[in-house]
Amino acid sequence: MPLVSAKAMLEKAAAGGYAVAHININNLEWTKAVLLTAQKANSPVILGVSAGAAKYMGGYKTVVAMTRALLEDLNISVPVALHLDHGGFDDAVACINAGFSSVMFDGSHYPIDENIEKTRILRDACGVLGLSLEAEVGAIGGEEDGVLGGGELADPVECKRVADLGVDMLAAGIGNIHGKYPANWPGLNFDVLGKIHEAVGGKPLVLHGGTGIPDEMVRRAITLGVAKINVNTECQLAFQEATRAYIESGADQNGKGFDPRKLLAPGYEAICAKVLEKITLFGSAGKA
């Protein structure tokens, strides 16, 4: 199945009361793990690619070529979107030209009028090409590939202004952060989320920083319009823990245990397990 826009899958999720997993990828093993797990679960999925991850993998065109080849070679039939995560304006343009099926423009650090103007330009381009577009209001806390956010709560009025542009999904800061959550984290602000959900008239909302949010908060956020949930750090930690255990056990020194295909296998399996856990929690299993 070719890459698809995320628009239809998210509208279906919003109407059905579940969310689609956005899993950030970092290499071939990551991509293969996510695709095969989504296929096994019969779930739509969004492959997220940050600018830094794309650079690590060789560039946006390399990521597109790798993903398209895996879709064909692995006989993937569930809907898959390839999505730029937290991209600047130039990154979004580059991804559009490279063949991504979905992009996020993170203009949250601009004054709202500038954010809207840049988002409008990208909306027009994506609309012509049939790509989906995610915009952001209210910066997400923490850091992701050099993009810093203070965790500001989004203004529902500003959210409505951006949603009214015709974007396909909206990321709004509601106290969520990237990376690990500190012990004193107060939790998601559901009052603000409820107001945003009402203000944008059912537009699919995006919850960034999905790692570490308690399951009950995730489920409640889905009831308030969240149709896409981003997971990155949790998969990285699962990969790291499994790889560390393999090496500390000395397995890499037995026979051909040093072979990358064996060395990376435990981490790969850990990613598969984590992705399946999230697909199950978000409710998208069987919804392809």
C-alpha atoms as a PDB file:
ATOM      1  CA  MET A   1       0.000   0.000   0.000  1.00  0.00           C
ATOM      2  CA  PRO A   2       1.440   3.445  -0.848  1.00  0.00           C
ATOM      3  CA  LEU A   3       1.946   6.167   1.743  1.00  0.00           C
ATOM      4  CA  VAL A   4      -1.258   8.011   2.594  1.00  0.00           C
ATOM      5  CA  SER A   5      -2.241  11.317   4.116  1.00  0.00           C
ATOM      6  CA  ALA A   6      -3.063  11.140   7.816  1.00  0.00           C
ATOM      7  CA  LYS A   7      -6.274  13.112   7.291  1.00  0.00           C
ATOM      8  CA  ALA A   8      -8.697  10.229   6.764  1.00  0.00           C
ATOM      9  CA  MET A   9      -7.227   8.004   9.487  1.00  0.00           C
ATOM     10  CA  LEU A  10      -7.412  10.803  12.062  1.00  0.00           C
ATOM     11  CA  GLU A  11     -10.941  11.855  11.145  1.00  0.00           C
ATOM     12  CA  LYS A  12     -11.986   8.209  11.505  1.00  0.00           C
ATOM     13  CA  ALA A  13     -10.185   7.992  14.860  1.00  0.00           C
ATOM     14  CA  ALA A  14     -11.804  11.177  16.168  1.00  0.00           C
ATOM     15  CA  ALA A  15     -15.235   9.895  15.175  1.00  0.00           C
ATOM     16  CA  GLY A  16     -14.544   6.443  16.596  1.00  0.00           C
ATOM     17  CA  GLY A  17     -13.169   7.520  19.952  1.00  0.00           C
ATOM     18  CA  TYR A  18      -9.641   6.194  19.579  1.00  0.00           C
ATOM     19  CA  ALA A  19      -6.220   7.585  18.631  1.00  0.00           C
ATOM     20  CA  VAL A  20      -3.600   6.678  16.037  1.00  0.00           C
ATOM     21  CA  ALA A  21      -0.049   6.072  17.247  1.00  0.00           C
ATOM     22  CA  HIS A  22       2.628   8.368  15.859  1.00  0.00           C
ATOM     23  CA  ILE A  23       5.900   6.517  16.404  1.00  0.00           C
ATOM     24  CA  ASN A  24       9.164   8.318  15.700  1.00  0.00           C
ATOM     25  CA  ILE A  25      11.636   6.268  13.644  1.00  0.00           C
ATOM     26  CA  ASN A  26      15.427   6.432  13.732  1.00  0.00           C
ATOM     27  CA  ASN A  27      16.682   3.749  11.329  1.00  0.00           C
ATOM     28  CA  LEU A  28      15.627   0.731   9.263  1.00  0.00           C
ATOM     29  CA  GLU A  29      15.099  -1.528  12.304  1.00  0.00           C
ATOM     30  CA  TRP A  30      12.824   1.073  13.898  1.00  0.00           C
ATOM     31  CA  THR A  31      10.790   1.495  10.712  1.00  0.00           C
ATOM     32  CA  LYS A  32      10.483  -2.235  10.098  1.00  0.00           C
ATOM     33  CA  ALA A  33       9.416  -2.828  13.713  1.00  0.00           C
ATOM     34  CA  VAL A  34       6.672  -0.212  13.571  1.00  0.00           C
ATOM     35  CA  LEU A  35       5.335  -1.317  10.181  1.00  0.00           C
ATOM     36  CA  LEU A  36       5.198  -5.021  10.972  1.00  0.00           C
ATOM     37  CA  THR A  37       3.632  -4.400  14.387  1.00  0.00           C
ATOM     38  CA  ALA A  38       0.944  -2.165  12.901  1.00  0.00           C
ATOM     39  CA  GLN A  39       0.283  -4.784  10.227  1.00  0.00           C
ATOM     40  CA  LYS A  40      -0.021  -7.512  12.859  1.00  0.00           C
ATOM     41  CA  ALA A  41      -2.443  -5.371  14.879  1.00  0.00           C
ATOM     42  CA  ASN A  42      -4.369  -4.304  11.744  1.00  0.00           C
ATOM     43  CA  SER A  43      -3.896  -0.712  12.833  1.00  0.00           C
ATOM     44  CA  PRO A  44      -3.212   2.520  10.950  1.00  0.00           C
ATOM     45  CA  VAL A  45       0.069   4.111  11.978  1.00  0.00           C
ATOM     46  CA  ILE A  46       2.044   7.310  11.496  1.00  0.00           C
ATOM     47  CA  LEU A  47       5.815   7.194  11.117  1.00  0.00           C
ATOM     48  CA  GLY A  48       7.260  10.356  12.646  1.00  0.00           C
ATOM     49  CA  VAL A  49      10.563  11.775  11.435  1.00  0.00           C
ATOM     50  CA  SER A  50      12.289  14.714  13.101  1.00  0.00           C
ATOM     51  CA  ALA A  51      14.770  16.851  11.192  1.00  0.00           C
ATOM     52  CA  GLY A  52      17.600  15.412  13.290  1.00  0.00           C
ATOM     53  CA  ALA A  53      16.548  11.814  12.689  1.00  0.00           C
ATOM     54  CA  ALA A  54      16.256  12.449   8.957  1.00  0.00           C
ATOM     55  CA  LYS A  55      19.769  13.893   8.893  1.00  0.00           C
ATOM     56  CA  TYR A  56      21.054  10.851  10.792  1.00  0.00           C
ATOM     57  CA  MET A  57      19.436   8.513   8.270  1.00  0.00           C
ATOM     58  CA  GLY A  58      20.895  10.362   5.296  1.00  0.00           C
ATOM     59  CA  GLY A  59      18.214  12.900   4.422  1.00  0.00           C
ATOM     60  CA  TYR A  60      14.510  13.199   3.714  1.00  0.00           C
ATOM     61  CA  LYS A  61      14.699  11.500   0.306  1.00  0.00           C
ATOM     62  CA  THR A  62      16.503   8.531   1.843  1.00  0.00           C
ATOM     63  CA  VAL A  63      13.782   8.173   4.471  1.00  0.00           C
ATOM     64  CA  VAL A  64      11.066   8.262   1.815  1.00  0.00           C
ATOM     65  CA  ALA A  65      12.834   5.699  -0.382  1.00  0.00           C
ATOM     66  CA  MET A  66      13.456   3.359   2.557  1.00  0.00           C
ATOM     67  CA  THR A  67       9.856   3.585   3.770  1.00  0.00           C
ATOM     68  CA  ARG A  68       8.321   3.049   0.352  1.00  0.00           C
ATOM     69  CA  ALA A  69      10.549   0.022  -0.271  1.00  0.00           C
ATOM     70  CA  LEU A  70       9.639  -1.525   3.091  1.00  0.00           C
ATOM     71  CA  LEU A  71       5.929  -1.013   2.448  1.00  0.00           C
ATOM     72  CA  GLU A  72       6.288  -2.991  -0.764  1.00  0.00           C
ATOM     73  CA  ASP A  73       8.733  -5.664   0.356  1.00  0.00           C
ATOM     74  CA  LEU A  74       6.907  -6.347   3.634  1.00  0.00           C
ATOM     75  CA  ASN A  75       3.476  -6.342   1.943  1.00  0.00           C
ATOM     76  CA  ILE A  76       2.111  -3.710   4.308  1.00  0.00           C
ATOM     77  CA  SER A  77      -1.602  -3.185   3.689  1.00  0.00           C
ATOM     78  CA  VAL A  78      -2.603  -0.981   6.649  1.00  0.00           C
ATOM     79  CA  PRO A  79      -2.701   2.814   6.172  1.00  0.00           C
ATOM     80  CA  VAL A  80       0.714   4.382   6.805  1.00  0.00           C
ATOM     81  CA  ALA A  81       1.548   8.087   6.822  1.00  0.00           C
ATOM     82  CA  LEU A  82       5.127   9.409   6.741  1.00  0.00           C
ATOM     83  CA  HIS A  83       5.075  12.579   8.817  1.00  0.00           C
ATOM     84  CA  LEU A  84       7.575  15.342   9.530  1.00  0.00           C
ATOM     85  CA  ASP A  85       7.667  15.933  13.285  1.00  0.00           C
ATOM     86  CA  HIS A  86       8.237  19.433  14.683  1.00  0.00           C
ATOM     87  CA  GLY A  87       9.528  20.819  11.420  1.00  0.00           C
ATOM     88  CA  GLY A  88      10.413  24.394  10.663  1.00  0.00           C
ATOM     89  CA  PHE A  89       9.056  26.050   7.526  1.00  0.00           C
ATOM     90  CA  ASP A  90      12.044  25.064   5.370  1.00  0.00           C
ATOM     91  CA  ASP A  91      11.934  21.491   6.689  1.00  0.00           C
ATOM     92  CA  ALA A  92       8.258  21.251   5.773  1.00  0.00           C
ATOM     93  CA  VAL A  93       8.949  22.438   2.229  1.00  0.00           C
ATOM     94  CA  ALA A  94      11.830  19.964   1.896  1.00  0.00           C
ATOM     95  CA  CYS A  95       9.633  17.085   3.063  1.00  0.00           C
ATOM     96  CA  ILE A  96       6.853  18.045   0.686  1.00  0.00           C
ATOM     97  CA  ASN A  97       9.370  17.964  -2.168  1.00  0.00           C
ATOM     98  CA  ALA A  98      10.912  14.692  -0.962  1.00  0.00           C
ATOM     99  CA  GLY A  99       7.638  12.771  -0.985  1.00  0.00           C
ATOM    100  CA  PHE A 100       6.394  12.771   2.613  1.00  0.00           C
ATOM    101  CA  SER A 101       2.647  12.237   2.865  1.00  0.00           C
ATOM    102  CA  SER A 102       2.190  14.475   5.904  1.00  0.00           C
ATOM    103  CA  VAL A 103       4.061  17.334   7.579  1.00  0.00           C
ATOM    104  CA  MET A 104       4.000  19.236  10.830  1.00  0.00           C
ATOM    105  CA  PHE A 105       4.887  22.895  10.888  1.00  0.00           C
ATOM    106  CA  ASP A 106       5.834  23.928  14.399  1.00  0.00           C
ATOM    107  CA  GLY A 107       5.290  27.672  14.386  1.00  0.00           C
ATOM    108  CA  SER A 108       4.492  27.842  18.091  1.00  0.00           C
ATOM    109  CA  HIS A 109       7.591  29.932  18.809  1.00  0.00           C
ATOM    110  CA  TYR A 110       6.434  32.675  16.428  1.00  0.00           C
ATOM    111  CA  PRO A 111       3.927  35.397  17.307  1.00  0.00           C
ATOM    112  CA  ILE A 112       0.473  34.012  16.524  1.00  0.00           C
ATOM    113  CA  ASP A 113      -0.017  36.138  13.385  1.00  0.00           C
ATOM    114  CA  GLU A 114       3.276  34.930  11.897  1.00  0.00           C
ATOM    115  CA  ASN A 115       2.475  31.364  12.868  1.00  0.00           C
ATOM    116  CA  ILE A 116      -0.851  31.666  11.060  1.00  0.00           C
ATOM    117  CA  GLU A 117       0.655  33.203   7.929  1.00  0.00           C
ATOM    118  CA  LYS A 118       3.336  30.535   7.547  1.00  0.00           C
ATOM    119  CA  THR A 119       0.810  27.800   8.300  1.00  0.00           C
ATOM    120  CA  ARG A 120      -1.514  29.216   5.626  1.00  0.00           C
ATOM    121  CA  ILE A 121       1.196  28.978   2.968  1.00  0.00           C
ATOM    122  CA  LEU A 122       1.879  25.337   3.829  1.00  0.00           C
ATOM    123  CA  ARG A 123      -1.826  24.556   4.019  1.00  0.00           C
ATOM    124  CA  ASP A 124      -2.244  25.741   0.433  1.00  0.00           C
ATOM    125  CA  ALA A 125       0.669  23.601  -0.772  1.00  0.00           C
ATOM    126  CA  CYS A 126      -0.459  20.505   1.117  1.00  0.00           C
ATOM    127  CA  GLY A 127      -4.028  20.969  -0.055  1.00  0.00           C
ATOM    128  CA  VAL A 128      -3.000  20.952  -3.712  1.00  0.00           C
ATOM    129  CA  LEU A 129      -0.827  17.854  -3.263  1.00  0.00           C
ATOM    130  CA  GLY A 130      -3.209  15.901  -1.035  1.00  0.00           C
ATOM    131  CA  LEU A 131      -0.902  15.877   1.987  1.00  0.00           C
ATOM    132  CA  SER A 132      -1.999  16.308   5.586  1.00  0.00           C
ATOM    133  CA  LEU A 133      -0.774  19.212   7.694  1.00  0.00           C
ATOM    134  CA  GLU A 134      -0.319  19.506  11.457  1.00  0.00           C
ATOM    135  CA  ALA A 135       0.056  22.893  13.117  1.00  0.00           C
ATOM    136  CA  GLU A 136       0.947  23.788  16.705  1.00  0.00           C
ATOM    137  CA  VAL A 137      -0.253  26.371  19.206  1.00  0.00           C
ATOM    138  CA  GLY A 138       1.330  26.652  22.639  1.00  0.00           C
ATOM    139  CA  ALA A 139       4.805  25.122  22.783  1.00  0.00           C
ATOM    140  CA  ILE A 140       5.239  21.575  24.067  1.00  0.00           C
ATOM    141  CA  GLY A 141       7.582  21.429  27.055  1.00  0.00           C
ATOM    142  CA  GLY A 142      11.069  19.931  26.938  1.00  0.00           C
ATOM    143  CA  GLU A 143      13.419  19.550  23.987  1.00  0.00           C
ATOM    144  CA  GLU A 144      13.266  17.522  20.793  1.00  0.00           C
ATOM    145  CA  ASP A 145      16.125  17.799  18.302  1.00  0.00           C
ATOM    146  CA  GLY A 146      16.947  21.301  19.480  1.00  0.00           C
ATOM    147  CA  VAL A 147      13.335  22.512  19.445  1.00  0.00           C
ATOM    148  CA  LEU A 148      12.765  23.930  22.913  1.00  0.00           C
ATOM    149  CA  GLY A 149       9.367  24.443  24.485  1.00  0.00           C
ATOM    150  CA  GLY A 150       8.437  25.810  27.860  1.00  0.00           C
ATOM    151  CA  GLY A 151       5.239  23.840  28.120  1.00  0.00           C
ATOM    152  CA  GLU A 152       2.921  26.820  27.678  1.00  0.00           C
ATOM    153  CA  LEU A 153      -0.802  26.166  27.783  1.00  0.00           C
ATOM    154  CA  ALA A 154      -2.395  26.893  24.434  1.00  0.00           C
ATOM    155  CA  ASP A 155      -4.985  29.640  24.100  1.00  0.00           C
ATOM    156  CA  PRO A 156      -8.279  28.149  22.818  1.00  0.00           C
ATOM    157  CA  VAL A 157      -8.962  31.323  20.841  1.00  0.00           C
ATOM    158  CA  GLU A 158      -5.609  31.042  19.051  1.00  0.00           C
ATOM    159  CA  CYS A 159      -6.261  27.337  18.495  1.00  0.00           C
ATOM    160  CA  LYS A 160      -9.517  28.202  16.735  1.00  0.00           C
ATOM    161  CA  ARG A 161      -7.762  30.734  14.503  1.00  0.00           C
ATOM    162  CA  VAL A 162      -5.245  28.126  13.373  1.00  0.00           C
ATOM    163  CA  ALA A 163      -7.834  25.342  13.056  1.00  0.00           C
ATOM    164  CA  ASP A 164     -10.009  27.595  10.913  1.00  0.00           C
ATOM    165  CA  LEU A 165      -7.195  27.734   8.344  1.00  0.00           C
ATOM    166  CA  GLY A 166      -8.167  24.201   7.365  1.00  0.00           C
ATOM    167  CA  VAL A 167      -5.234  22.275   8.854  1.00  0.00           C
ATOM    168  CA  ASP A 168      -5.893  18.574   9.326  1.00  0.00           C
ATOM    169  CA  MET A 169      -4.701  18.260  12.927  1.00  0.00           C
ATOM    170  CA  LEU A 170      -3.690  20.579  15.713  1.00  0.00           C
ATOM    171  CA  ALA A 171      -1.066  20.110  18.420  1.00  0.00           C
ATOM    172  CA  ALA A 172      -1.909  22.204  21.459  1.00  0.00           C
ATOM    173  CA  GLY A 173       0.120  22.537  24.632  1.00  0.00           C
ATOM    174  CA  ILE A 174      -1.842  21.258  27.630  1.00  0.00           C
ATOM    175  CA  GLY A 175       1.019  20.705  30.074  1.00  0.00           C
ATOM    176  CA  ASN A 176       2.611  17.840  28.139  1.00  0.00           C
ATOM    177  CA  ILE A 177       6.373  17.678  27.638  1.00  0.00           C
ATOM    178  CA  HIS A 178       8.902  15.796  25.524  1.00  0.00           C
ATOM    179  CA  GLY A 179      11.129  13.218  27.168  1.00  0.00           C
ATOM    180  CA  LYS A 180      10.786  11.841  30.689  1.00  0.00           C
ATOM    181  CA  TYR A 181       8.246  13.475  32.971  1.00  0.00           C
ATOM    182  CA  PRO A 182       9.595  14.768  36.322  1.00  0.00           C
ATOM    183  CA  ALA A 183       8.227  13.370  39.560  1.00  0.00           C
ATOM    184  CA  ASN A 184       6.482  16.669  40.341  1.00  0.00           C
ATOM    185  CA  TRP A 185       4.709  16.949  36.959  1.00  0.00           C
ATOM    186  CA  PRO A 186       1.160  18.193  37.660  1.00  0.00           C
ATOM    187  CA  GLY A 187      -0.433  16.250  34.801  1.00  0.00           C
ATOM    188  CA  LEU A 188      -2.378  17.248  31.711  1.00  0.00           C
ATOM    189  CA  ASN A 189      -4.687  20.235  31.964  1.00  0.00           C
ATOM    190  CA  PHE A 190      -8.032  18.756  30.935  1.00  0.00           C
ATOM    191  CA  ASP A 191      -9.902  22.018  31.470  1.00  0.00           C
ATOM    192  CA  VAL A 192      -7.808  23.644  28.749  1.00  0.00           C
ATOM    193  CA  LEU A 193      -8.060  20.570  26.526  1.00  0.00           C
ATOM    194  CA  GLY A 194     -11.845  20.597  26.839  1.00  0.00           C
ATOM    195  CA  LYS A 195     -12.020  24.259  25.862  1.00  0.00           C
ATOM    196  CA  ILE A 196      -9.719  23.679  22.890  1.00  0.00           C
ATOM    197  CA  HIS A 197     -11.764  20.673  21.744  1.00  0.00           C
ATOM    198  CA  GLU A 198     -14.912  22.774  21.834  1.00  0.00           C
ATOM    199  CA  ALA A 199     -13.254  25.769  20.144  1.00  0.00           C
ATOM    200  CA  VAL A 200     -11.911  23.817  17.156  1.00  0.00           C
ATOM    201  CA  GLY A 201     -15.197  22.080  16.440  1.00  0.00           C
ATOM    202  CA  GLY A 202     -14.020  18.489  16.495  1.00  0.00           C
ATOM    203  CA  LYS A 203     -10.756  19.001  14.610  1.00  0.00           C
ATOM    204  CA  PRO A 204      -8.415  16.073  15.436  1.00  0.00           C
ATOM    205  CA  LEU A 205      -6.032  17.076  18.220  1.00  0.00           C
ATOM    206  CA  VAL A 206      -2.489  15.812  18.742  1.00  0.00           C
ATOM    207  CA  LEU A 207      -0.890  14.908  22.061  1.00  0.00           C
ATOM    208  CA  HIS A 208       2.889  15.246  21.920  1.00  0.00           C
ATOM    209  CA  GLY A 209       5.125  13.852  24.643  1.00  0.00           C
ATOM    210  CA  GLY A 210       3.175  10.606  24.933  1.00  0.00           C
ATOM    211  CA  THR A 211       5.954   8.879  26.886  1.00  0.00           C
ATOM    212  CA  GLY A 212       5.202   8.622  30.582  1.00  0.00           C
ATOM    213  CA  ILE A 213       1.646   9.983  30.597  1.00  0.00           C
ATOM    214  CA  PRO A 214      -0.445   7.681  32.823  1.00  0.00           C
ATOM    215  CA  ASP A 215      -2.819   5.417  30.899  1.00  0.00           C
ATOM    216  CA  GLU A 216      -5.909   6.892  32.500  1.00  0.00           C
ATOM    217  CA  MET A 217      -4.877  10.385  31.367  1.00  0.00           C
ATOM    218  CA  VAL A 218      -4.304   9.099  27.849  1.00  0.00           C
ATOM    219  CA  ARG A 219      -7.767   7.546  27.742  1.00  0.00           C
ATOM    220  CA  ARG A 220      -9.369  10.730  29.050  1.00  0.00           C
ATOM    221  CA  ALA A 221      -7.499  12.874  26.515  1.00  0.00           C
ATOM    222  CA  ILE A 222      -8.873  10.673  23.714  1.00  0.00           C
ATOM    223  CA  THR A 223     -12.435  11.372  24.922  1.00  0.00           C
ATOM    224  CA  LEU A 224     -11.655  15.089  24.537  1.00  0.00           C
ATOM    225  CA  GLY A 225     -10.640  14.985  20.898  1.00  0.00           C
ATOM    226  CA  VAL A 226      -7.068  13.682  20.888  1.00  0.00           C
ATOM    227  CA  ALA A 227      -6.803  11.473  17.785  1.00  0.00           C
ATOM    228  CA  LYS A 228      -3.015  11.242  17.394  1.00  0.00           C
ATOM    229  CA  ILE A 229      -0.512  10.508  20.160  1.00  0.00           C
ATOM    230  CA  ASN A 230       3.238  10.841  19.669  1.00  0.00           C
ATOM    231  CA  VAL A 231       5.620   8.294  21.193  1.00  0.00           C
ATOM    232  CA  ASN A 232       9.397   8.525  20.885  1.00  0.00           C
ATOM    233  CA  THR A 233      11.371   8.409  24.137  1.00  0.00           C
ATOM    234  CA  GLU A 234       9.557   5.301  25.383  1.00  0.00           C
ATOM    235  CA  CYS A 235      10.684   3.292  22.342  1.00  0.00           C
ATOM    236  CA  GLN A 236      14.230   4.613  22.701  1.00  0.00           C
ATOM    237  CA  LEU A 237      14.330   3.533  26.346  1.00  0.00           C
ATOM    238  CA  ALA A 238      12.952   0.077  25.500  1.00  0.00           C
ATOM    239  CA  PHE A 239      15.589  -0.318  22.771  1.00  0.00           C
ATOM    240  CA  GLN A 240      18.362   0.846  25.106  1.00  0.00           C
ATOM    241  CA  GLU A 241      17.356  -1.448  27.952  1.00  0.00           C
ATOM    242  CA  ALA A 242      17.135  -4.538  25.729  1.00  0.00           C
ATOM    243  CA  THR A 243      20.443  -3.782  24.023  1.00  0.00           C
ATOM    244  CA  ARG A 244      22.181  -3.183  27.348  1.00  0.00           C
ATOM    245  CA  ALA A 245      20.881  -6.485  28.717  1.00  0.00           C
ATOM    246  CA  TYR A 246      22.144  -8.350  25.629  1.00  0.00           C
ATOM    247  CA  ILE A 247      25.647  -6.902  25.931  1.00  0.00           C
ATOM    248  CA  GLU A 248      25.874  -7.195  29.716  1.00  0.00           C
ATOM    249  CA  SER A 249      24.910 -10.850  29.434  1.00  0.00           C
ATOM    250  CA  GLY A 250      27.972 -11.380  27.238  1.00  0.00           C
ATOM    251  CA  ALA A 251      25.842 -12.674  24.359  1.00  0.00           C
ATOM    252  CA  ASP A 252      27.704 -10.452  21.919  1.00  0.00           C
ATOM    253  CA  GLN A 253      30.892 -12.424  22.691  1.00  0.00           C
ATOM    254  CA  ASN A 254      29.392 -15.866  22.087  1.00  0.00           C
ATOM    255  CA  GLY A 255      29.824 -17.247  18.593  1.00  0.00           C
ATOM    256  CA  LYS A 256      28.704 -14.612  16.118  1.00  0.00           C
ATOM    257  CA  GLY A 257      26.768 -12.671  18.713  1.00  0.00           C
ATOM    258  CA  PHE A 258      28.564  -9.564  17.494  1.00  0.00           C
ATOM    259  CA  ASP A 259      26.686  -9.747  14.162  1.00  0.00           C
ATOM    260  CA  PRO A 260      24.586  -6.559  13.969  1.00  0.00           C
ATOM    261  CA  ARG A 261      21.560  -8.637  13.047  1.00  0.00           C
ATOM    262  CA  LYS A 262      21.880 -10.446  16.381  1.00  0.00           C
ATOM    263  CA  LEU A 263      23.122  -7.455  18.351  1.00  0.00           C
ATOM    264  CA  LEU A 264      20.140  -5.307  17.347  1.00  0.00           C
ATOM    265  CA  ALA A 265      17.518  -8.066  17.547  1.00  0.00           C
ATOM    266  CA  PRO A 266      16.610  -7.650  21.256  1.00  0.00           C
ATOM    267  CA  GLY A 267      16.142  -3.904  20.803  1.00  0.00           C
ATOM    268  CA  TYR A 268      14.054  -4.501  17.705  1.00  0.00           C
ATOM    269  CA  GLU A 269      11.791  -6.899  19.566  1.00  0.00           C
ATOM    270  CA  ALA A 270      11.490  -4.422  22.437  1.00  0.00           C
ATOM    271  CA  ILE A 271      10.299  -1.733  20.031  1.00  0.00           C
ATOM    272  CA  CYS A 272       7.732  -4.133  18.570  1.00  0.00           C
ATOM    273  CA  ALA A 273       6.395  -4.875  22.046  1.00  0.00           C
ATOM    274  CA  LYS A 274       6.215  -1.201  23.003  1.00  0.00           C
ATOM    275  CA  VAL A 275       4.453  -0.202  19.782  1.00  0.00           C
ATOM    276  CA  LEU A 276       1.877  -2.969  20.215  1.00  0.00           C
ATOM    277  CA  GLU A 277       1.324  -1.815  23.808  1.00  0.00           C
ATOM    278  CA  LYS A 278       0.615   1.721  22.607  1.00  0.00           C
ATOM    279  CA  ILE A 279      -1.623   0.656  19.720  1.00  0.00           C
ATOM    280  CA  THR A 280      -3.653  -1.384  22.213  1.00  0.00           C
ATOM    281  CA  LEU A 281      -3.857   1.471  24.722  1.00  0.00           C
ATOM    282  CA  PHE A 282      -4.842   4.027  22.085  1.00  0.00           C
ATOM    283  CA  GLY A 283      -7.599   1.733  20.771  1.00  0.00           C
ATOM    284  CA  SER A 284      -6.540   1.612  17.106  1.00  0.00           C
ATOM    285  CA  ALA A 285      -6.023  -2.169  16.862  1.00  0.00           C
ATOM    286  CA  GLY A 286      -8.337  -3.624  14.238  1.00  0.00           C
ATOM    287  CA  LYS A 287      -9.196  -0.171  12.879  1.00  0.00           C
ATOM    288  CA  ALA A 288      -7.146  -0.214   9.667  1.00  0.00           C
END
